[in-house]
N, C-alpha and C. Protein backbone atom coordinates (compact mmCIF):
# COMPACT_ATOMS: atom_id res chain seq x y z
N MET A 1 10.55 6.35 19.11
CA MET A 1 10.05 6.61 20.44
C MET A 1 9.51 8.04 20.48
N PHE A 2 8.34 8.20 21.05
CA PHE A 2 7.74 9.51 21.18
C PHE A 2 8.02 10.08 22.57
N CYS A 3 8.28 11.36 22.63
CA CYS A 3 8.52 12.03 23.89
C CYS A 3 7.20 12.19 24.64
N PRO A 4 7.14 11.81 25.92
CA PRO A 4 5.89 11.94 26.66
C PRO A 4 5.55 13.39 27.01
N LYS A 5 6.54 14.28 26.94
CA LYS A 5 6.29 15.68 27.30
C LYS A 5 5.80 16.49 26.11
N CYS A 6 6.52 16.44 24.99
CA CYS A 6 6.16 17.30 23.84
C CYS A 6 5.56 16.52 22.68
N GLY A 7 5.65 15.18 22.69
CA GLY A 7 5.05 14.36 21.65
C GLY A 7 5.90 14.20 20.40
N SER A 8 7.11 14.75 20.38
CA SER A 8 7.94 14.64 19.18
C SER A 8 8.53 13.24 19.06
N GLN A 9 8.77 12.84 17.82
CA GLN A 9 9.33 11.52 17.58
C GLN A 9 10.84 11.60 17.61
N ASN A 10 11.46 10.69 18.34
CA ASN A 10 12.92 10.63 18.47
C ASN A 10 13.40 9.26 18.03
N ASP A 11 14.69 9.17 17.70
CA ASP A 11 15.28 7.88 17.36
C ASP A 11 15.24 6.97 18.58
N ASP A 12 15.15 5.67 18.37
CA ASP A 12 15.03 4.73 19.48
C ASP A 12 16.26 4.72 20.38
N GLY A 13 17.43 5.08 19.86
CA GLY A 13 18.64 5.06 20.67
C GLY A 13 18.91 6.34 21.43
N CYS A 14 18.06 7.35 21.30
CA CYS A 14 18.28 8.64 21.97
C CYS A 14 18.02 8.52 23.46
N ASN A 15 18.86 9.22 24.24
CA ASN A 15 18.64 9.29 25.68
C ASN A 15 17.80 10.49 26.07
N PHE A 16 17.88 11.56 25.26
CA PHE A 16 17.15 12.79 25.55
C PHE A 16 16.35 13.21 24.32
N CYS A 17 15.22 13.86 24.55
CA CYS A 17 14.39 14.36 23.46
C CYS A 17 15.13 15.47 22.74
N LYS A 18 15.13 15.44 21.40
CA LYS A 18 15.84 16.45 20.64
C LYS A 18 15.09 17.78 20.57
N VAL A 19 13.83 17.81 21.00
CA VAL A 19 13.04 19.04 20.98
C VAL A 19 13.01 19.72 22.34
N CYS A 20 12.59 18.96 23.38
CA CYS A 20 12.42 19.58 24.70
C CYS A 20 13.49 19.17 25.70
N GLY A 21 14.28 18.13 25.41
CA GLY A 21 15.39 17.74 26.26
C GLY A 21 15.04 16.83 27.43
N VAL A 22 13.83 16.33 27.50
CA VAL A 22 13.46 15.45 28.61
C VAL A 22 14.22 14.14 28.51
N ASN A 23 14.55 13.55 29.66
CA ASN A 23 15.27 12.29 29.70
C ASN A 23 14.33 11.17 29.29
N LEU A 24 14.57 10.55 28.14
CA LEU A 24 13.70 9.52 27.61
C LEU A 24 13.88 8.18 28.31
N LEU A 25 15.02 7.96 28.94
CA LEU A 25 15.24 6.70 29.64
C LEU A 25 14.34 6.61 30.86
N ILE A 26 14.19 7.70 31.57
CA ILE A 26 13.29 7.72 32.72
C ILE A 26 11.85 7.67 32.23
N ALA A 27 11.55 8.41 31.19
CA ALA A 27 10.18 8.44 30.66
C ALA A 27 9.79 7.10 30.06
N GLN A 28 10.76 6.34 29.57
CA GLN A 28 10.47 5.04 28.96
C GLN A 28 9.99 4.04 30.01
N ASN A 29 10.46 4.18 31.23
CA ASN A 29 10.08 3.25 32.29
C ASN A 29 8.69 3.52 32.84
N THR A 30 8.14 4.68 32.58
CA THR A 30 6.78 4.96 33.01
C THR A 30 5.82 4.35 32.01
N ASN A 31 4.65 4.04 32.42
CA ASN A 31 3.68 3.39 31.56
C ASN A 31 2.66 4.37 31.01
N ASP A 32 3.06 5.60 30.74
CA ASP A 32 2.15 6.59 30.17
C ASP A 32 1.85 6.24 28.72
N ALA A 33 0.60 6.33 28.34
CA ALA A 33 0.20 6.05 26.96
C ALA A 33 0.61 7.22 26.07
N ARG A 34 0.95 6.91 24.86
CA ARG A 34 1.31 7.93 23.89
C ARG A 34 0.05 8.72 23.54
N ASN A 35 0.15 10.05 23.51
CA ASN A 35 -1.03 10.87 23.26
C ASN A 35 -0.97 11.61 21.94
N VAL A 36 -0.02 11.26 21.07
CA VAL A 36 0.12 11.89 19.76
C VAL A 36 0.19 10.80 18.70
N CYS A 37 -0.61 10.93 17.64
CA CYS A 37 -0.59 9.91 16.58
C CYS A 37 0.50 10.23 15.56
N ASP A 38 0.67 9.37 14.58
CA ASP A 38 1.70 9.58 13.57
C ASP A 38 1.18 10.35 12.36
N LYS A 39 -0.07 10.73 12.35
CA LYS A 39 -0.63 11.51 11.23
C LYS A 39 -0.27 12.98 11.39
N ASN A 40 0.16 13.58 10.30
CA ASN A 40 0.65 14.96 10.32
C ASN A 40 -0.50 15.97 10.38
N TRP A 41 -0.34 16.96 11.24
CA TRP A 41 -1.33 18.01 11.44
C TRP A 41 -1.52 18.85 10.18
N LEU A 42 -0.43 19.27 9.55
CA LEU A 42 -0.52 20.14 8.38
C LEU A 42 -1.14 19.42 7.20
N THR A 43 -0.81 18.17 7.00
CA THR A 43 -1.40 17.38 5.91
C THR A 43 -2.91 17.28 6.10
N THR A 44 -3.33 17.01 7.32
CA THR A 44 -4.76 16.91 7.61
C THR A 44 -5.46 18.23 7.37
N LEU A 45 -4.85 19.32 7.79
CA LEU A 45 -5.45 20.64 7.60
C LEU A 45 -5.58 20.99 6.12
N LEU A 46 -4.54 20.73 5.34
CA LEU A 46 -4.59 21.03 3.90
C LEU A 46 -5.61 20.16 3.18
N LEU A 47 -5.70 18.89 3.55
CA LEU A 47 -6.71 18.02 2.95
C LEU A 47 -8.12 18.54 3.26
N CYS A 48 -8.32 18.99 4.47
CA CYS A 48 -9.64 19.48 4.87
C CYS A 48 -9.98 20.78 4.15
N ILE A 49 -9.01 21.67 4.00
CA ILE A 49 -9.27 22.96 3.35
C ILE A 49 -9.60 22.77 1.87
N PHE A 50 -8.81 21.96 1.17
CA PHE A 50 -8.95 21.88 -0.28
C PHE A 50 -9.99 20.85 -0.76
N ILE A 51 -10.10 19.71 -0.08
CA ILE A 51 -11.08 18.70 -0.50
C ILE A 51 -11.86 18.16 0.70
N GLY A 52 -12.19 19.07 1.60
CA GLY A 52 -12.89 18.69 2.83
C GLY A 52 -14.27 18.14 2.60
N ALA A 53 -14.95 18.58 1.57
CA ALA A 53 -16.31 18.11 1.31
C ALA A 53 -16.33 16.62 0.96
N LEU A 54 -15.21 16.10 0.51
CA LEU A 54 -15.11 14.67 0.20
C LEU A 54 -14.69 13.83 1.41
N GLY A 55 -14.33 14.48 2.50
CA GLY A 55 -13.97 13.77 3.71
C GLY A 55 -12.64 13.06 3.66
N ILE A 56 -11.78 13.42 2.73
CA ILE A 56 -10.49 12.73 2.57
C ILE A 56 -9.64 12.86 3.84
N HIS A 57 -9.72 13.98 4.53
CA HIS A 57 -8.95 14.16 5.76
C HIS A 57 -9.39 13.16 6.84
N ARG A 58 -10.66 12.78 6.83
CA ARG A 58 -11.16 11.79 7.79
C ARG A 58 -10.66 10.38 7.42
N PHE A 59 -10.60 10.07 6.13
CA PHE A 59 -10.01 8.80 5.73
C PHE A 59 -8.53 8.76 6.12
N TYR A 60 -7.84 9.89 5.98
CA TYR A 60 -6.41 9.98 6.30
C TYR A 60 -6.13 9.63 7.77
N VAL A 61 -7.00 10.07 8.68
CA VAL A 61 -6.77 9.78 10.10
C VAL A 61 -7.46 8.49 10.56
N GLY A 62 -8.09 7.77 9.63
CA GLY A 62 -8.65 6.47 9.95
C GLY A 62 -10.13 6.47 10.30
N LYS A 63 -10.79 7.59 10.17
CA LYS A 63 -12.23 7.66 10.49
C LYS A 63 -13.02 7.39 9.21
N ILE A 64 -13.09 6.12 8.85
CA ILE A 64 -13.67 5.70 7.58
C ILE A 64 -15.18 5.97 7.51
N PHE A 65 -15.91 5.60 8.56
CA PHE A 65 -17.36 5.76 8.54
C PHE A 65 -17.77 7.22 8.38
N THR A 66 -17.15 8.11 9.15
CA THR A 66 -17.52 9.53 9.02
C THR A 66 -17.01 10.11 7.71
N GLY A 67 -15.95 9.54 7.16
CA GLY A 67 -15.50 9.96 5.83
C GLY A 67 -16.53 9.65 4.77
N ILE A 68 -17.13 8.46 4.87
CA ILE A 68 -18.19 8.09 3.92
C ILE A 68 -19.41 9.00 4.09
N LEU A 69 -19.76 9.30 5.35
CA LEU A 69 -20.87 10.22 5.60
C LEU A 69 -20.61 11.61 5.02
N MET A 70 -19.36 12.04 5.08
CA MET A 70 -19.02 13.36 4.53
C MET A 70 -19.16 13.34 3.00
N ILE A 71 -18.78 12.25 2.37
CA ILE A 71 -18.95 12.15 0.91
C ILE A 71 -20.43 12.23 0.56
N LEU A 72 -21.26 11.49 1.28
CA LEU A 72 -22.68 11.44 0.98
C LEU A 72 -23.41 12.77 1.22
N THR A 73 -22.91 13.57 2.17
CA THR A 73 -23.57 14.84 2.50
C THR A 73 -22.78 16.05 2.03
N PHE A 74 -21.75 15.82 1.21
CA PHE A 74 -20.87 16.90 0.74
C PHE A 74 -20.33 17.72 1.90
N GLY A 75 -19.79 17.00 2.88
CA GLY A 75 -19.19 17.66 4.04
C GLY A 75 -20.22 18.29 4.95
N GLY A 76 -21.36 17.64 5.08
CA GLY A 76 -22.42 18.21 5.92
C GLY A 76 -22.88 19.55 5.39
N PHE A 77 -22.94 19.63 4.03
CA PHE A 77 -23.32 20.86 3.32
C PHE A 77 -22.42 22.04 3.70
N GLY A 78 -21.15 21.71 3.96
CA GLY A 78 -20.15 22.74 4.24
C GLY A 78 -19.97 23.06 5.71
N ILE A 79 -20.97 22.78 6.51
CA ILE A 79 -20.89 23.12 7.94
C ILE A 79 -19.91 22.19 8.64
N TRP A 80 -20.00 20.89 8.33
CA TRP A 80 -19.12 19.90 8.95
C TRP A 80 -17.65 20.19 8.58
N VAL A 81 -17.42 20.58 7.35
CA VAL A 81 -16.06 20.90 6.91
C VAL A 81 -15.52 22.10 7.68
N LEU A 82 -16.34 23.12 7.85
CA LEU A 82 -15.92 24.31 8.58
C LEU A 82 -15.58 23.97 10.03
N ILE A 83 -16.39 23.13 10.65
CA ILE A 83 -16.12 22.71 12.02
C ILE A 83 -14.81 21.92 12.09
N ASP A 84 -14.59 21.02 11.12
CA ASP A 84 -13.34 20.25 11.10
C ASP A 84 -12.13 21.14 10.90
N ILE A 85 -12.22 22.15 10.04
CA ILE A 85 -11.10 23.07 9.84
C ILE A 85 -10.75 23.77 11.14
N ILE A 86 -11.76 24.22 11.85
CA ILE A 86 -11.52 24.90 13.14
C ILE A 86 -10.91 23.94 14.15
N MET A 87 -11.43 22.71 14.20
CA MET A 87 -10.90 21.73 15.15
C MET A 87 -9.45 21.35 14.83
N ILE A 88 -9.14 21.19 13.55
CA ILE A 88 -7.76 20.85 13.16
C ILE A 88 -6.84 22.02 13.46
N ALA A 89 -7.26 23.23 13.14
CA ALA A 89 -6.42 24.42 13.36
C ALA A 89 -6.13 24.64 14.84
N THR A 90 -7.08 24.30 15.71
CA THR A 90 -6.88 24.48 17.15
C THR A 90 -6.31 23.23 17.82
N ASN A 91 -6.00 22.21 17.03
CA ASN A 91 -5.40 20.94 17.47
C ASN A 91 -6.29 20.19 18.46
N THR A 92 -7.60 20.23 18.24
CA THR A 92 -8.51 19.42 19.04
C THR A 92 -9.05 18.24 18.23
N PHE A 93 -8.71 18.15 16.96
CA PHE A 93 -9.11 17.05 16.09
C PHE A 93 -8.25 15.84 16.42
N THR A 94 -8.84 14.65 16.48
CA THR A 94 -8.10 13.45 16.83
C THR A 94 -8.25 12.39 15.75
N ASP A 95 -7.40 11.37 15.82
CA ASP A 95 -7.51 10.25 14.89
C ASP A 95 -8.53 9.25 15.42
N LYS A 96 -8.62 8.09 14.79
CA LYS A 96 -9.65 7.11 15.18
C LYS A 96 -9.42 6.54 16.58
N LYS A 97 -8.19 6.62 17.09
CA LYS A 97 -7.90 6.12 18.44
C LYS A 97 -8.02 7.20 19.51
N GLY A 98 -8.36 8.42 19.09
CA GLY A 98 -8.48 9.52 20.04
C GLY A 98 -7.18 10.25 20.32
N LEU A 99 -6.14 9.98 19.52
CA LEU A 99 -4.84 10.64 19.71
C LEU A 99 -4.80 11.94 18.91
N LYS A 100 -4.14 12.95 19.46
CA LYS A 100 -4.00 14.23 18.76
C LYS A 100 -3.05 14.09 17.58
N LEU A 101 -3.19 15.00 16.62
CA LEU A 101 -2.35 14.98 15.42
C LEU A 101 -0.94 15.45 15.76
N ASN A 102 0.03 14.96 15.01
CA ASN A 102 1.44 15.25 15.24
C ASN A 102 1.80 16.59 14.59
N LYS A 103 2.26 17.54 15.39
CA LYS A 103 2.69 18.84 14.87
C LYS A 103 4.21 18.95 14.78
N ASN A 104 4.91 17.84 14.91
CA ASN A 104 6.37 17.83 14.85
C ASN A 104 6.81 17.82 13.39
N PHE A 105 7.51 18.87 12.97
CA PHE A 105 7.97 18.98 11.60
C PHE A 105 9.46 18.68 11.43
N ASN A 106 10.13 18.27 12.51
CA ASN A 106 11.57 18.03 12.45
C ASN A 106 11.93 16.95 11.45
N LYS A 107 11.17 15.86 11.40
CA LYS A 107 11.52 14.78 10.48
C LYS A 107 11.33 15.22 9.02
N TYR A 108 10.45 16.18 8.75
CA TYR A 108 10.26 16.67 7.40
C TYR A 108 11.33 17.68 7.02
N LEU A 109 11.74 18.49 8.00
CA LEU A 109 12.78 19.48 7.73
C LEU A 109 14.15 18.86 7.59
N ASN A 110 14.40 17.76 8.32
CA ASN A 110 15.69 17.10 8.27
C ASN A 110 15.80 16.09 7.14
N GLY A 111 14.72 15.82 6.44
CA GLY A 111 14.77 14.94 5.29
C GLY A 111 14.63 13.47 5.58
N TYR A 112 14.13 13.10 6.76
CA TYR A 112 13.89 11.67 7.04
C TYR A 112 12.60 11.49 7.74
């Protein structure tokens, strides 16, 4: 279950968010759409920095067509890659469904 306030992922049996403390039982009854995807922000940023010209970061978030275009144009001759790096760093880059990338590192730090 994702927290509607901070977007962090919590265990399904939790009553409160482990990051911000919001009551998840009340939030569960609201019909707010989740606004954070399951793709990791740091992974996307590193893929874009090191092999951005191949568009691998776009394949990672599900944007297959633009990933192919990036391969064919070598990342828009570097300009497209630079724009993507800035967008990912400022957390305005989204996945194919329009959801923001997940910046929650708790599951990686805790080992699950």
